[in-house]
C-alpha atoms as a PDB file:
ATOM      1  CA  MET A   1       0.445 -12.987 -19.463  1.00  0.00           C
ATOM      2  CA  SER A   2       4.087 -12.177 -18.343  1.00  0.00           C
ATOM      3  CA  GLU A   3       5.006 -12.634 -14.748  1.00  0.00           C
ATOM      4  CA  ALA A   4       4.796  -8.757 -14.265  1.00  0.00           C
ATOM      5  CA  THR A   5       1.631  -7.244 -15.277  1.00  0.00           C
ATOM      6  CA  THR A   6       2.192  -4.392 -17.785  1.00  0.00           C
ATOM      7  CA  ILE A   7       0.322  -1.210 -16.993  1.00  0.00           C
ATOM      8  CA  ALA A   8      -0.521   2.012 -18.533  1.00  0.00           C
ATOM      9  CA  LEU A   9      -1.358   5.037 -16.194  1.00  0.00           C
ATOM     10  CA  PHE A  10      -3.921   7.380 -17.416  1.00  0.00           C
ATOM     11  CA  GLY A  11      -3.708  10.762 -15.585  1.00  0.00           C
ATOM     12  CA  VAL A  12      -0.801  11.741 -13.520  1.00  0.00           C
ATOM     13  CA  GLY A  13      -2.357  14.568 -11.443  1.00  0.00           C
ATOM     14  CA  ARG A  14      -2.420  14.760  -7.549  1.00  0.00           C
ATOM     15  CA  TRP A  15      -3.737  11.297  -7.050  1.00  0.00           C
ATOM     16  CA  GLY A  16      -2.233   9.780 -10.309  1.00  0.00           C
ATOM     17  CA  VAL A  17       1.197  10.421  -9.143  1.00  0.00           C
ATOM     18  CA  HIS A  18       0.732   8.350  -5.929  1.00  0.00           C
ATOM     19  CA  LEU A  19      -0.608   5.510  -7.949  1.00  0.00           C
ATOM     20  CA  LEU A  20       2.318   5.656 -10.441  1.00  0.00           C
ATOM     21  CA  ARG A  21       4.738   5.715  -7.529  1.00  0.00           C
ATOM     22  CA  ASN A  22       3.057   2.491  -6.060  1.00  0.00           C
ATOM     23  CA  PHE A  23       3.209   0.617  -9.273  1.00  0.00           C
ATOM     24  CA  LEU A  24       6.732   1.583 -10.101  1.00  0.00           C
ATOM     25  CA  GLN A  25       7.720   0.072  -6.779  1.00  0.00           C
ATOM     26  CA  HIS A  26       5.616  -3.056  -7.095  1.00  0.00           C
ATOM     27  CA  PRO A  27       7.668  -6.224  -8.008  1.00  0.00           C
ATOM     28  CA  ARG A  28       4.740  -7.584 -10.013  1.00  0.00           C
ATOM     29  CA  ALA A  29       3.995  -4.578 -11.974  1.00  0.00           C
ATOM     30  CA  ARG A  30       5.816  -2.999 -14.921  1.00  0.00           C
ATOM     31  CA  VAL A  31       4.592   0.304 -16.103  1.00  0.00           C
ATOM     32  CA  VAL A  32       4.997   0.691 -19.726  1.00  0.00           C
ATOM     33  CA  ALA A  33       3.156   3.930 -20.541  1.00  0.00           C
ATOM     34  CA  VAL A  34       2.224   7.274 -18.865  1.00  0.00           C
ATOM     35  CA  VAL A  35      -0.687   9.298 -20.366  1.00  0.00           C
ATOM     36  CA  ASP A  36      -1.680  12.801 -19.400  1.00  0.00           C
ATOM     37  CA  PRO A  37      -3.144  15.785 -21.583  1.00  0.00           C
ATOM     38  CA  CYS A  38      -0.417  18.120 -20.280  1.00  0.00           C
ATOM     39  CA  GLY A  39       2.790  17.555 -21.824  1.00  0.00           C
ATOM     40  CA  VAL A  40       4.629  19.542 -19.184  1.00  0.00           C
ATOM     41  CA  GLN A  41       3.198  17.402 -16.569  1.00  0.00           C
ATOM     42  CA  LEU A  42       4.625  14.277 -18.489  1.00  0.00           C
ATOM     43  CA  GLU A  43       8.148  15.870 -18.555  1.00  0.00           C
ATOM     44  CA  THR A  44       7.865  16.820 -14.725  1.00  0.00           C
ATOM     45  CA  ILE A  45       6.922  13.207 -13.895  1.00  0.00           C
ATOM     46  CA  ALA A  46       9.823  11.659 -15.944  1.00  0.00           C
ATOM     47  CA  GLN A  47      12.243  13.847 -14.199  1.00  0.00           C
ATOM     48  CA  ARG A  48      10.785  13.392 -10.784  1.00  0.00           C
ATOM     49  CA  PHE A  49      10.655   9.453 -11.025  1.00  0.00           C
ATOM     50  CA  GLY A  50      13.861   9.270 -13.384  1.00  0.00           C
ATOM     51  CA  LEU A  51      11.986   7.478 -15.927  1.00  0.00           C
ATOM     52  CA  ASP A  52      13.703   6.365 -19.118  1.00  0.00           C
ATOM     53  CA  GLU A  53      12.809   6.209 -22.630  1.00  0.00           C
ATOM     54  CA  GLN A  54      11.547   2.452 -22.360  1.00  0.00           C
ATOM     55  CA  ILE A  55       8.445   4.127 -20.820  1.00  0.00           C
ATOM     56  CA  PHE A  56       5.934   5.477 -23.504  1.00  0.00           C
ATOM     57  CA  PHE A  57       4.809   9.023 -22.704  1.00  0.00           C
ATOM     58  CA  THR A  58       1.801  10.476 -24.689  1.00  0.00           C
ATOM     59  CA  THR A  59      -0.854  13.024 -24.325  1.00  0.00           C
ATOM     60  CA  GLN A  60      -3.189  10.753 -26.635  1.00  0.00           C
ATOM     61  CA  TRP A  61      -4.522   7.932 -24.560  1.00  0.00           C
ATOM     62  CA  GLN A  62      -5.807   6.141 -27.798  1.00  0.00           C
ATOM     63  CA  ASP A  63      -2.007   5.664 -28.673  1.00  0.00           C
ATOM     64  CA  ALA A  64      -1.230   3.835 -25.361  1.00  0.00           C
ATOM     65  CA  LEU A  65      -4.114   1.433 -25.825  1.00  0.00           C
ATOM     66  CA  GLU A  66      -2.456   0.157 -29.044  1.00  0.00           C
ATOM     67  CA  LEU A  67       0.810  -0.767 -27.348  1.00  0.00           C
ATOM     68  CA  SER A  68       1.706  -4.447 -27.925  1.00  0.00           C
ATOM     69  CA  GLY A  69       1.735  -6.724 -24.820  1.00  0.00           C
ATOM     70  CA  LEU A  70      -0.242  -4.287 -22.539  1.00  0.00           C
ATOM     71  CA  ASP A  71      -2.132  -5.980 -19.909  1.00  0.00           C
ATOM     72  CA  ALA A  72      -3.993  -3.319 -17.813  1.00  0.00           C
ATOM     73  CA  VAL A  73      -4.812   0.384 -17.430  1.00  0.00           C
ATOM     74  CA  ALA A  74      -5.028   2.393 -14.299  1.00  0.00           C
ATOM     75  CA  ILE A  75      -7.362   5.391 -14.791  1.00  0.00           C
ATOM     76  CA  THR A  76      -7.143   8.565 -12.540  1.00  0.00           C
ATOM     77  CA  THR A  77      -8.657  11.008 -14.929  1.00  0.00           C
ATOM     78  CA  PRO A  78     -11.778  13.205 -14.133  1.00  0.00           C
ATOM     79  CA  ALA A  79     -14.923  11.168 -13.488  1.00  0.00           C
ATOM     80  CA  THR A  80     -16.554  12.683 -16.594  1.00  0.00           C
ATOM     81  CA  THR A  81     -14.006  10.840 -18.788  1.00  0.00           C
ATOM     82  CA  HIS A  82     -14.254   7.419 -17.099  1.00  0.00           C
ATOM     83  CA  ASN A  83     -16.874   5.788 -19.211  1.00  0.00           C
ATOM     84  CA  GLN A  84     -15.262   6.499 -22.498  1.00  0.00           C
ATOM     85  CA  LEU A  85     -11.771   5.488 -21.314  1.00  0.00           C
ATOM     86  CA  ILE A  86     -12.897   2.423 -19.375  1.00  0.00           C
ATOM     87  CA  THR A  87     -15.074   1.257 -22.315  1.00  0.00           C
ATOM     88  CA  ALA A  88     -12.175   1.588 -24.648  1.00  0.00           C
ATOM     89  CA  ALA A  89      -9.886  -0.161 -22.438  1.00  0.00           C
ATOM     90  CA  LEU A  90     -12.149  -3.245 -21.913  1.00  0.00           C
ATOM     91  CA  LYS A  91     -12.842  -3.531 -25.694  1.00  0.00           C
ATOM     92  CA  GLN A  92      -9.176  -3.636 -26.037  1.00  0.00           C
ATOM     93  CA  ASN A  93      -9.192  -6.726 -23.785  1.00  0.00           C
ATOM     94  CA  LEU A  94      -7.552  -4.733 -20.884  1.00  0.00           C
ATOM     95  CA  HIS A  95      -8.105  -5.079 -17.267  1.00  0.00           C
ATOM     96  CA  VAL A  96      -9.069  -1.758 -15.570  1.00  0.00           C
ATOM     97  CA  LEU A  97      -8.244  -0.069 -12.170  1.00  0.00           C
ATOM     98  CA  ALA A  98     -10.355   3.034 -12.079  1.00  0.00           C
ATOM     99  CA  ALA A  99     -10.477   5.889  -9.630  1.00  0.00           C
ATOM    100  CA  LYS A 100     -13.717   6.619  -7.661  1.00  0.00           C
ATOM    101  CA  PRO A 101     -16.419   7.231  -8.721  1.00  0.00           C
ATOM    102  CA  LEU A 102     -16.705   4.633 -11.435  1.00  0.00           C
ATOM    103  CA  THR A 103     -18.714   7.057 -13.460  1.00  0.00           C
ATOM    104  CA  LEU A 104     -21.294   9.848 -12.784  1.00  0.00           C
ATOM    105  CA  ASP A 105     -24.204   7.965 -14.308  1.00  0.00           C
ATOM    106  CA  VAL A 106     -25.666   4.765 -12.790  1.00  0.00           C
ATOM    107  CA  ALA A 107     -26.752   3.209 -16.233  1.00  0.00           C
ATOM    108  CA  GLU A 108     -23.072   3.843 -17.430  1.00  0.00           C
ATOM    109  CA  SER A 109     -21.666   2.147 -14.449  1.00  0.00           C
ATOM    110  CA  ILE A 110     -23.768  -0.990 -14.738  1.00  0.00           C
ATOM    111  CA  GLN A 111     -22.968  -1.225 -18.521  1.00  0.00           C
ATOM    112  CA  LEU A 112     -19.183  -1.146 -17.802  1.00  0.00           C
ATOM    113  CA  CYS A 113     -19.689  -3.880 -15.201  1.00  0.00           C
ATOM    114  CA  GLN A 114     -21.573  -5.895 -17.810  1.00  0.00           C
ATOM    115  CA  LEU A 115     -18.904  -5.165 -20.521  1.00  0.00           C
ATOM    116  CA  ALA A 116     -16.015  -6.361 -18.137  1.00  0.00           C
ATOM    117  CA  GLU A 117     -17.907  -9.580 -17.487  1.00  0.00           C
ATOM    118  CA  LEU A 118     -18.443  -9.956 -21.214  1.00  0.00           C
ATOM    119  CA  GLN A 119     -14.912  -9.464 -22.093  1.00  0.00           C
ATOM    120  CA  GLN A 120     -13.767 -11.505 -19.073  1.00  0.00           C
ATOM    121  CA  LYS A 121     -11.606  -8.798 -17.698  1.00  0.00           C
ATOM    122  CA  GLN A 122     -11.275  -7.399 -14.113  1.00  0.00           C
ATOM    123  CA  LEU A 123     -12.843  -4.055 -13.258  1.00  0.00           C
ATOM    124  CA  VAL A 124     -11.590  -2.793  -9.991  1.00  0.00           C
ATOM    125  CA  VAL A 125     -12.440   0.589  -8.360  1.00  0.00           C
ATOM    126  CA  ASP A 126     -10.007   2.401  -6.192  1.00  0.00           C
ATOM    127  CA  HIS A 127     -12.087   3.004  -3.101  1.00  0.00           C
ATOM    128  CA  THR A 128      -8.960   3.510  -1.149  1.00  0.00           C
ATOM    129  CA  TYR A 129     -10.536   3.461   2.383  1.00  0.00           C
ATOM    130  CA  LEU A 130     -11.776  -0.099   1.924  1.00  0.00           C
ATOM    131  CA  PHE A 131      -7.970  -1.015   2.014  1.00  0.00           C
ATOM    132  CA  HIS A 132      -7.058   1.179   4.866  1.00  0.00           C
ATOM    133  CA  PRO A 133      -5.912  -1.019   7.824  1.00  0.00           C
ATOM    134  CA  ALA A 134      -7.822   1.079  10.258  1.00  0.00           C
ATOM    135  CA  ILE A 135     -11.116   0.514   8.271  1.00  0.00           C
ATOM    136  CA  VAL A 136     -10.559  -3.211   8.099  1.00  0.00           C
ATOM    137  CA  ARG A 137      -9.732  -3.226  11.793  1.00  0.00           C
ATOM    138  CA  GLY A 138     -12.940  -1.385  12.505  1.00  0.00           C
ATOM    139  CA  GLN A 139     -15.033  -3.892  10.448  1.00  0.00           C
ATOM    140  CA  GLU A 140     -13.500  -6.672  12.500  1.00  0.00           C
ATOM    141  CA  LEU A 141     -14.720  -4.967  15.726  1.00  0.00           C
ATOM    142  CA  VAL A 142     -18.178  -4.254  14.446  1.00  0.00           C
ATOM    143  CA  ARG A 143     -18.480  -8.004  13.305  1.00  0.00           C
ATOM    144  CA  SER A 144     -17.265  -9.361  16.722  1.00  0.00           C
ATOM    145  CA  GLY A 145     -20.551  -8.021  18.208  1.00  0.00           C
ATOM    146  CA  LYS A 146     -18.781  -6.348  21.018  1.00  0.00           C
ATOM    147  CA  LEU A 147     -20.362  -2.968  20.415  1.00  0.00           C
ATOM    148  CA  GLY A 148     -23.902  -4.602  21.074  1.00  0.00           C
ATOM    149  CA  LYS A 149     -26.846  -3.646  19.147  1.00  0.00           C
ATOM    150  CA  LEU A 150     -25.940  -0.782  16.669  1.00  0.00           C
ATOM    151  CA  ARG A 151     -27.940   2.259  17.088  1.00  0.00           C
ATOM    152  CA  TYR A 152     -26.795   5.056  14.563  1.00  0.00           C
ATOM    153  CA  GLY A 153     -23.739   6.578  13.102  1.00  0.00           C
ATOM    154  CA  TYR A 154     -22.284   9.847  11.725  1.00  0.00           C
ATOM    155  CA  SER A 155     -19.467  11.125   9.497  1.00  0.00           C
ATOM    156  CA  THR A 156     -18.041  14.504   9.001  1.00  0.00           C
ATOM    157  CA  ARG A 157     -15.724  15.374   5.970  1.00  0.00           C
ATOM    158  CA  THR A 158     -15.140  19.064   5.716  1.00  0.00           C
ATOM    159  CA  HIS A 159     -12.219  21.279   4.767  1.00  0.00           C
ATOM    160  CA  LEU A 160     -11.503  24.770   3.377  1.00  0.00           C
ATOM    161  CA  SER A 161     -10.793  23.854  -0.314  1.00  0.00           C
ATOM    162  CA  PRO A 162     -10.097  22.420  -2.749  1.00  0.00           C
ATOM    163  CA  VAL A 163     -13.485  23.580  -4.219  1.00  0.00           C
ATOM    164  CA  ARG A 164     -14.464  21.512  -7.430  1.00  0.00           C
ATOM    165  CA  SER A 165     -16.152  23.016 -10.338  1.00  0.00           C
ATOM    166  CA  ASP A 166     -17.141  19.695 -12.046  1.00  0.00           C
ATOM    167  CA  VAL A 167     -19.039  18.209  -9.180  1.00  0.00           C
ATOM    168  CA  ASP A 168     -20.646  19.311  -5.892  1.00  0.00           C
ATOM    169  CA  ALA A 169     -19.506  18.427  -2.367  1.00  0.00           C
ATOM    170  CA  LEU A 170     -21.821  15.425  -2.326  1.00  0.00           C
ATOM    171  CA  TRP A 171     -20.133  13.789  -5.211  1.00  0.00           C
ATOM    172  CA  ASP A 172     -16.619  14.945  -4.214  1.00  0.00           C
ATOM    173  CA  LEU A 173     -16.723  13.825  -0.617  1.00  0.00           C
ATOM    174  CA  ALA A 174     -19.650  11.450   0.348  1.00  0.00           C
ATOM    175  CA  ILE A 175     -18.555   8.328  -1.400  1.00  0.00           C
ATOM    176  CA  HIS A 176     -15.648   7.815   1.036  1.00  0.00           C
ATOM    177  CA  ASP A 177     -17.865   7.648   4.043  1.00  0.00           C
ATOM    178  CA  ILE A 178     -20.763   5.831   2.487  1.00  0.00           C
ATOM    179  CA  ALA A 179     -18.166   3.144   1.441  1.00  0.00           C
ATOM    180  CA  ILE A 180     -16.724   3.039   4.973  1.00  0.00           C
ATOM    181  CA  LEU A 181     -20.207   2.723   6.606  1.00  0.00           C
ATOM    182  CA  ASN A 182     -21.446   0.056   4.085  1.00  0.00           C
ATOM    183  CA  PHE A 183     -18.160  -1.993   4.808  1.00  0.00           C
ATOM    184  CA  TRP A 184     -18.617  -1.838   8.523  1.00  0.00           C
ATOM    185  CA  LEU A 185     -22.218  -2.555   8.453  1.00  0.00           C
ATOM    186  CA  GLY A 186     -22.100  -5.191   5.732  1.00  0.00           C
ATOM    187  CA  GLU A 187     -25.256  -3.687   4.162  1.00  0.00           C
ATOM    188  CA  SER A 188     -26.288  -0.804   1.919  1.00  0.00           C
ATOM    189  CA  PRO A 189     -28.895   1.859   2.493  1.00  0.00           C
ATOM    190  CA  CYS A 190     -32.517   1.412   1.328  1.00  0.00           C
ATOM    191  CA  VAL A 191     -33.576   4.998   1.880  1.00  0.00           C
ATOM    192  CA  VAL A 192     -31.545   8.221   1.403  1.00  0.00           C
ATOM    193  CA  GLU A 193     -32.220  11.945   1.896  1.00  0.00           C
ATOM    194  CA  ALA A 194     -29.981  14.954   1.454  1.00  0.00           C
ATOM    195  CA  ARG A 195     -30.134  18.787   1.542  1.00  0.00           C
ATOM    196  CA  GLY A 196     -27.452  21.200   0.248  1.00  0.00           C
ATOM    197  CA  SER A 197     -26.601  24.773   0.554  1.00  0.00           C
ATOM    198  CA  VAL A 198     -24.978  26.873  -2.134  1.00  0.00           C
ATOM    199  CA  TRP A 199     -22.561  29.663  -1.129  1.00  0.00           C
ATOM    200  CA  LEU A 200     -19.751  29.737  -3.705  1.00  0.00           C
ATOM    201  CA  GLN A 201     -20.810  28.422  -7.192  1.00  0.00           C
ATOM    202  CA  LYS A 202     -24.369  28.564  -8.726  1.00  0.00           C
ATOM    203  CA  GLY A 203     -25.734  25.125  -9.137  1.00  0.00           C
ATOM    204  CA  LEU A 204     -23.145  23.406  -6.897  1.00  0.00           C
ATOM    205  CA  ALA A 205     -23.886  22.561  -3.428  1.00  0.00           C
ATOM    206  CA  ASP A 206     -20.816  23.214  -1.274  1.00  0.00           C
ATOM    207  CA  THR A 207     -22.357  22.091   2.137  1.00  0.00           C
ATOM    208  CA  VAL A 208     -24.520  18.952   2.247  1.00  0.00           C
ATOM    209  CA  TRP A 209     -26.263  17.096   5.104  1.00  0.00           C
ATOM    210  CA  ALA A 210     -27.248  13.568   4.210  1.00  0.00           C
ATOM    211  CA  THR A 211     -29.157  10.725   5.874  1.00  0.00           C
ATOM    212  CA  LEU A 212     -28.765   7.095   5.095  1.00  0.00           C
ATOM    213  CA  ILE A 213     -31.292   4.560   6.387  1.00  0.00           C
ATOM    214  CA  TYR A 214     -30.285   0.832   6.319  1.00  0.00           C
ATOM    215  CA  PRO A 215     -32.450  -2.273   6.018  1.00  0.00           C
ATOM    216  CA  SER A 216     -31.455  -3.205   9.493  1.00  0.00           C
ATOM    217  CA  GLY A 217     -32.930   0.212  10.831  1.00  0.00           C
ATOM    218  CA  PHE A 218     -29.522   1.716  11.401  1.00  0.00           C
ATOM    219  CA  GLU A 219     -29.422   5.400  10.408  1.00  0.00           C
ATOM    220  CA  ALA A 220     -26.374   7.556   9.686  1.00  0.00           C
ATOM    221  CA  ARG A 221     -25.893  11.289   9.117  1.00  0.00           C
ATOM    222  CA  LEU A 222     -23.193  12.737   6.933  1.00  0.00           C
ATOM    223  CA  HIS A 223     -21.820  16.332   6.932  1.00  0.00           C
ATOM    224  CA  LEU A 224     -19.965  17.169   3.883  1.00  0.00           C
ATOM    225  CA  GLY A 225     -18.428  20.590   3.023  1.00  0.00           C
ATOM    226  CA  TRP A 226     -15.730  22.743   1.524  1.00  0.00           C
ATOM    227  CA  LEU A 227     -16.381  25.775   3.684  1.00  0.00           C
ATOM    228  CA  ASN A 228     -14.909  24.489   7.041  1.00  0.00           C
ATOM    229  CA  PRO A 229     -11.602  25.969   8.062  1.00  0.00           C
ATOM    230  CA  ASP A 230     -11.647  23.101  10.620  1.00  0.00           C
ATOM    231  CA  LYS A 231     -10.703  20.151   8.380  1.00  0.00           C
ATOM    232  CA  GLN A 232     -12.430  17.008   9.717  1.00  0.00           C
ATOM    233  CA  ARG A 233     -12.334  13.363   8.750  1.00  0.00           C
ATOM    234  CA  ARG A 234     -14.225  11.504  11.190  1.00  0.00           C
ATOM    235  CA  SER A 235     -16.620   8.516  11.187  1.00  0.00           C
ATOM    236  CA  CYS A 236     -18.434   6.901  14.063  1.00  0.00           C
ATOM    237  CA  ILE A 237     -20.660   3.893  14.865  1.00  0.00           C
ATOM    238  CA  VAL A 238     -22.829   3.986  18.097  1.00  0.00           C
ATOM    239  CA  GLY A 239     -23.725   0.771  19.745  1.00  0.00           C
ATOM    240  CA  GLU A 240     -25.317  -0.011  23.101  1.00  0.00           C
ATOM    241  CA  ASN A 241     -21.958  -0.901  24.592  1.00  0.00           C
ATOM    242  CA  GLY A 242     -19.793   1.735  23.086  1.00  0.00           C
ATOM    243  CA  SER A 243     -18.838   3.791  19.966  1.00  0.00           C
ATOM    244  CA  LEU A 244     -16.332   3.004  17.343  1.00  0.00           C
ATOM    245  CA  ILE A 245     -14.472   6.271  16.141  1.00  0.00           C
ATOM    246  CA  PHE A 246     -12.278   6.485  13.023  1.00  0.00           C
ATOM    247  CA  ASP A 247     -10.725  10.122  13.224  1.00  0.00           C
ATOM    248  CA  GLU A 248      -8.172  10.050  10.358  1.00  0.00           C
ATOM    249  CA  LEU A 249      -6.459  13.249  11.486  1.00  0.00           C
ATOM    250  CA  ALA A 250      -5.971  12.159  15.224  1.00  0.00           C
ATOM    251  CA  PRO A 251      -2.696  10.585  16.360  1.00  0.00           C
ATOM    252  CA  GLU A 252      -4.795   7.658  17.554  1.00  0.00           C
ATOM    253  CA  ALA A 253      -6.901   7.259  14.521  1.00  0.00           C
ATOM    254  CA  LEU A 254      -9.113   4.297  15.630  1.00  0.00           C
ATOM    255  CA  THR A 255     -10.590   4.101  19.059  1.00  0.00           C
ATOM    256  CA  VAL A 256     -13.449   2.718  20.822  1.00  0.00           C
ATOM    257  CA  GLN A 257     -15.250   4.795  23.620  1.00  0.00           C
ATOM    258  CA  TRP A 258     -16.863   2.078  25.801  1.00  0.00           C
ATOM    259  CA  GLY A 259     -19.813   2.940  28.014  1.00  0.00           C
ATOM    260  CA  LYS A 260     -23.332   2.084  28.439  1.00  0.00           C
ATOM    261  CA  PHE A 261     -26.417   2.700  30.960  1.00  0.00           C
ATOM    262  CA  ASP A 262     -27.539   0.852  34.007  1.00  0.00           C
ATOM    263  CA  SER A 263     -31.042   0.150  34.611  1.00  0.00           C
ATOM    264  CA  GLU A 264     -31.443   3.812  36.095  1.00  0.00           C
ATOM    265  CA  PHE A 265     -29.787   5.442  32.968  1.00  0.00           C
ATOM    266  CA  LYS A 266     -26.515   6.093  34.848  1.00  0.00           C
ATOM    267  CA  PRO A 267     -23.337   5.550  32.805  1.00  0.00           C
ATOM    268  CA  ILE A 268     -21.321   2.570  33.643  1.00  0.00           C
ATOM    269  CA  ASP A 269     -18.265   0.577  32.222  1.00  0.00           C
ATOM    270  CA  GLN A 270     -16.712   3.769  30.664  1.00  0.00           C
ATOM    271  CA  SER A 271     -13.227   3.504  29.334  1.00  0.00           C
ATOM    272  CA  ARG A 272     -11.298   4.323  26.104  1.00  0.00           C
ATOM    273  CA  GLU A 273      -9.437   1.734  24.037  1.00  0.00           C
ATOM    274  CA  ILE A 274      -7.074   2.565  21.269  1.00  0.00           C
ATOM    275  CA  LEU A 275      -7.321  -0.175  18.457  1.00  0.00           C
ATOM    276  CA  GLN A 276      -3.995  -1.057  16.912  1.00  0.00           C
ATOM    277  CA  PHE A 277      -3.682  -1.645  13.062  1.00  0.00           C
ATOM    278  CA  SER A 278      -0.892  -2.109  10.665  1.00  0.00           C
ATOM    279  CA  LYS A 279       0.682   0.981   9.042  1.00  0.00           C
ATOM    280  CA  GLN A 280       0.692  -0.146   5.436  1.00  0.00           C
ATOM    281  CA  GLU A 281      -0.145   2.424   2.837  1.00  0.00           C
ATOM    282  CA  PRO A 282      -3.661   1.866   1.790  1.00  0.00           C
ATOM    283  CA  LEU A 283      -3.015   2.742  -1.900  1.00  0.00           C
ATOM    284  CA  GLN A 284      -0.130   0.012  -1.845  1.00  0.00           C
ATOM    285  CA  GLN A 285      -2.813  -2.384  -0.781  1.00  0.00           C
ATOM    286  CA  VAL A 286      -5.074  -1.338  -3.717  1.00  0.00           C
ATOM    287  CA  CYS A 287      -2.408  -1.852  -6.266  1.00  0.00           C
ATOM    288  CA  ASP A 288      -1.500  -5.299  -4.555  1.00  0.00           C
ATOM    289  CA  HIS A 289      -5.117  -6.311  -4.648  1.00  0.00           C
ATOM    290  CA  PHE A 290      -5.705  -5.230  -8.196  1.00  0.00           C
ATOM    291  CA  LEU A 291      -2.578  -7.177  -9.377  1.00  0.00           C
ATOM    292  CA  ASP A 292      -3.859 -10.207  -7.482  1.00  0.00           C
ATOM    293  CA  CYS A 293      -7.154 -10.099  -9.357  1.00  0.00           C
ATOM    294  CA  VAL A 294      -5.498  -9.647 -12.680  1.00  0.00           C
ATOM    295  CA  GLN A 295      -2.950 -12.429 -12.212  1.00  0.00           C
ATOM    296  CA  ASN A 296      -5.293 -14.940 -10.533  1.00  0.00           C
ATOM    297  CA  ASP A 297      -8.334 -13.966 -12.978  1.00  0.00           C
ATOM    298  CA  ARG A 298     -10.527 -13.287  -9.905  1.00  0.00           C
ATOM    299  CA  ALA A 299     -13.203 -10.706  -9.354  1.00  0.00           C
ATOM    300  CA  SER A 300     -12.575  -8.395  -6.504  1.00  0.00           C
ATOM    301  CA  GLU A 301     -14.554  -9.293  -3.384  1.00  0.00           C
ATOM    302  CA  ILE A 302     -13.617  -5.782  -1.863  1.00  0.00           C
ATOM    303  CA  SER A 303     -14.068  -3.128  -4.518  1.00  0.00           C
ATOM    304  CA  SER A 304     -15.469  -4.684  -7.792  1.00  0.00           C
ATOM    305  CA  GLY A 305     -16.974  -2.645 -10.657  1.00  0.00           C
ATOM    306  CA  TRP A 306     -20.315  -3.764  -9.078  1.00  0.00           C
ATOM    307  CA  LEU A 307     -19.682  -2.174  -5.771  1.00  0.00           C
ATOM    308  CA  GLY A 308     -18.576   1.019  -7.538  1.00  0.00           C
ATOM    309  CA  ALA A 309     -21.937   1.031  -9.437  1.00  0.00           C
ATOM    310  CA  GLU A 310     -23.715   0.472  -6.250  1.00  0.00           C
ATOM    311  CA  LEU A 311     -22.169   3.542  -4.698  1.00  0.00           C
ATOM    312  CA  VAL A 312     -22.963   5.620  -7.699  1.00  0.00           C
ATOM    313  CA  GLN A 313     -26.542   4.626  -7.397  1.00  0.00           C
ATOM    314  CA  ILE A 314     -26.483   5.849  -3.849  1.00  0.00           C
ATOM    315  CA  LEU A 315     -25.047   9.096  -4.719  1.00  0.00           C
ATOM    316  CA  ALA A 316     -27.536   9.565  -7.616  1.00  0.00           C
ATOM    317  CA  ALA A 317     -30.294   8.923  -5.273  1.00  0.00           C
ATOM    318  CA  LEU A 318     -28.868  11.509  -2.707  1.00  0.00           C
ATOM    319  CA  SER A 319     -28.661  13.989  -5.694  1.00  0.00           C
ATOM    320  CA  GLU A 320     -32.237  13.324  -6.659  1.00  0.00           C
ATOM    321  CA  SER A 321     -33.380  13.783  -3.026  1.00  0.00           C
ATOM    322  CA  MET A 322     -31.659  17.287  -2.949  1.00  0.00           C
ATOM    323  CA  ARG A 323     -33.625  18.125  -6.170  1.00  0.00           C
ATOM    324  CA  GLN A 324     -36.887  16.934  -5.011  1.00  0.00           C
ATOM    325  CA  GLY A 325     -36.607  17.874  -1.555  1.00  0.00           C
ATOM    326  CA  LYS A 326     -37.816  14.340  -0.152  1.00  0.00           C
ATOM    327  CA  ALA A 327     -36.457  11.037   0.819  1.00  0.00           C
ATOM    328  CA  ILE A 328     -35.695   8.489  -1.931  1.00  0.00           C
ATOM    329  CA  GLU A 329     -36.098   4.787  -1.876  1.00  0.00           C
ATOM    330  CA  LEU A 330     -33.347   2.856  -3.448  1.00  0.00           C
ATOM    331  CA  VAL A 331     -34.507  -0.053  -5.694  1.00  0.00           C
ATOM    332  CA  LYS A 332     -32.208  -2.975  -5.742  1.00  0.00           C
END
């Protein structure tokens, strides 16, 4: 493999453009192809980034996979296309960075992980929050034990649009908060339950309330929706000594609200601490991590295909819970 990893970008929509920008700026990456089904978008991208004829632009992803000397692909196409594209790339002996969710089907996700191992190629999923410096700093605090015994948690992820027509609010939004909570807690839920309401599109829940129960007994509540004019991006873990709060939209995004009860249930030791963290762009960290995995032939310890498959399993169980109207136990 050359010193710089050669990469083809599949999909340059809203998120793909940011991924392209980061790979173009990375000293250990060389973008050799850009794929998008919309020819006009390809022209726009070429002009926006000043890309020359040395980069191969095509609306046909099959053509890009045939390029000589290609090392890896980064896929930010709709999740419904992931299984086909990732399978084809792995069979072509290419490393893969895939947008979340890995797929929309548990069995397909597991098969992709198995194929990556068979081909001895790296499969990394872009769960961007796992690379966010604030989330990493939050994990450090949780692991320090300073919060004391962890009691419960909650997350709110709401906004007024964009409204998806391919998946419901659960599949669109929940994966971020589940990934954050699992990362902070160092465990995965064993029982899940969800209920949804449909206001806009028949068959697609646009407001979802979900419960995650972990082996340790920790419980988390998630509120997800497309209908709230008050956009929220907030996750919290409550412990006996205080609460860790990540509010992405706040000026001080990561804080601890300290406080506990004395023997008479009177609040004591109350204070607010602002946690500092580096200002590196999370997606830049994703790209750097992926290149490290490829160039050092090392499976991701942060966001591997297997972690992506686990999150797909949790989402599938939550969907089943909504359908059946009861809690679902996850089988490991």
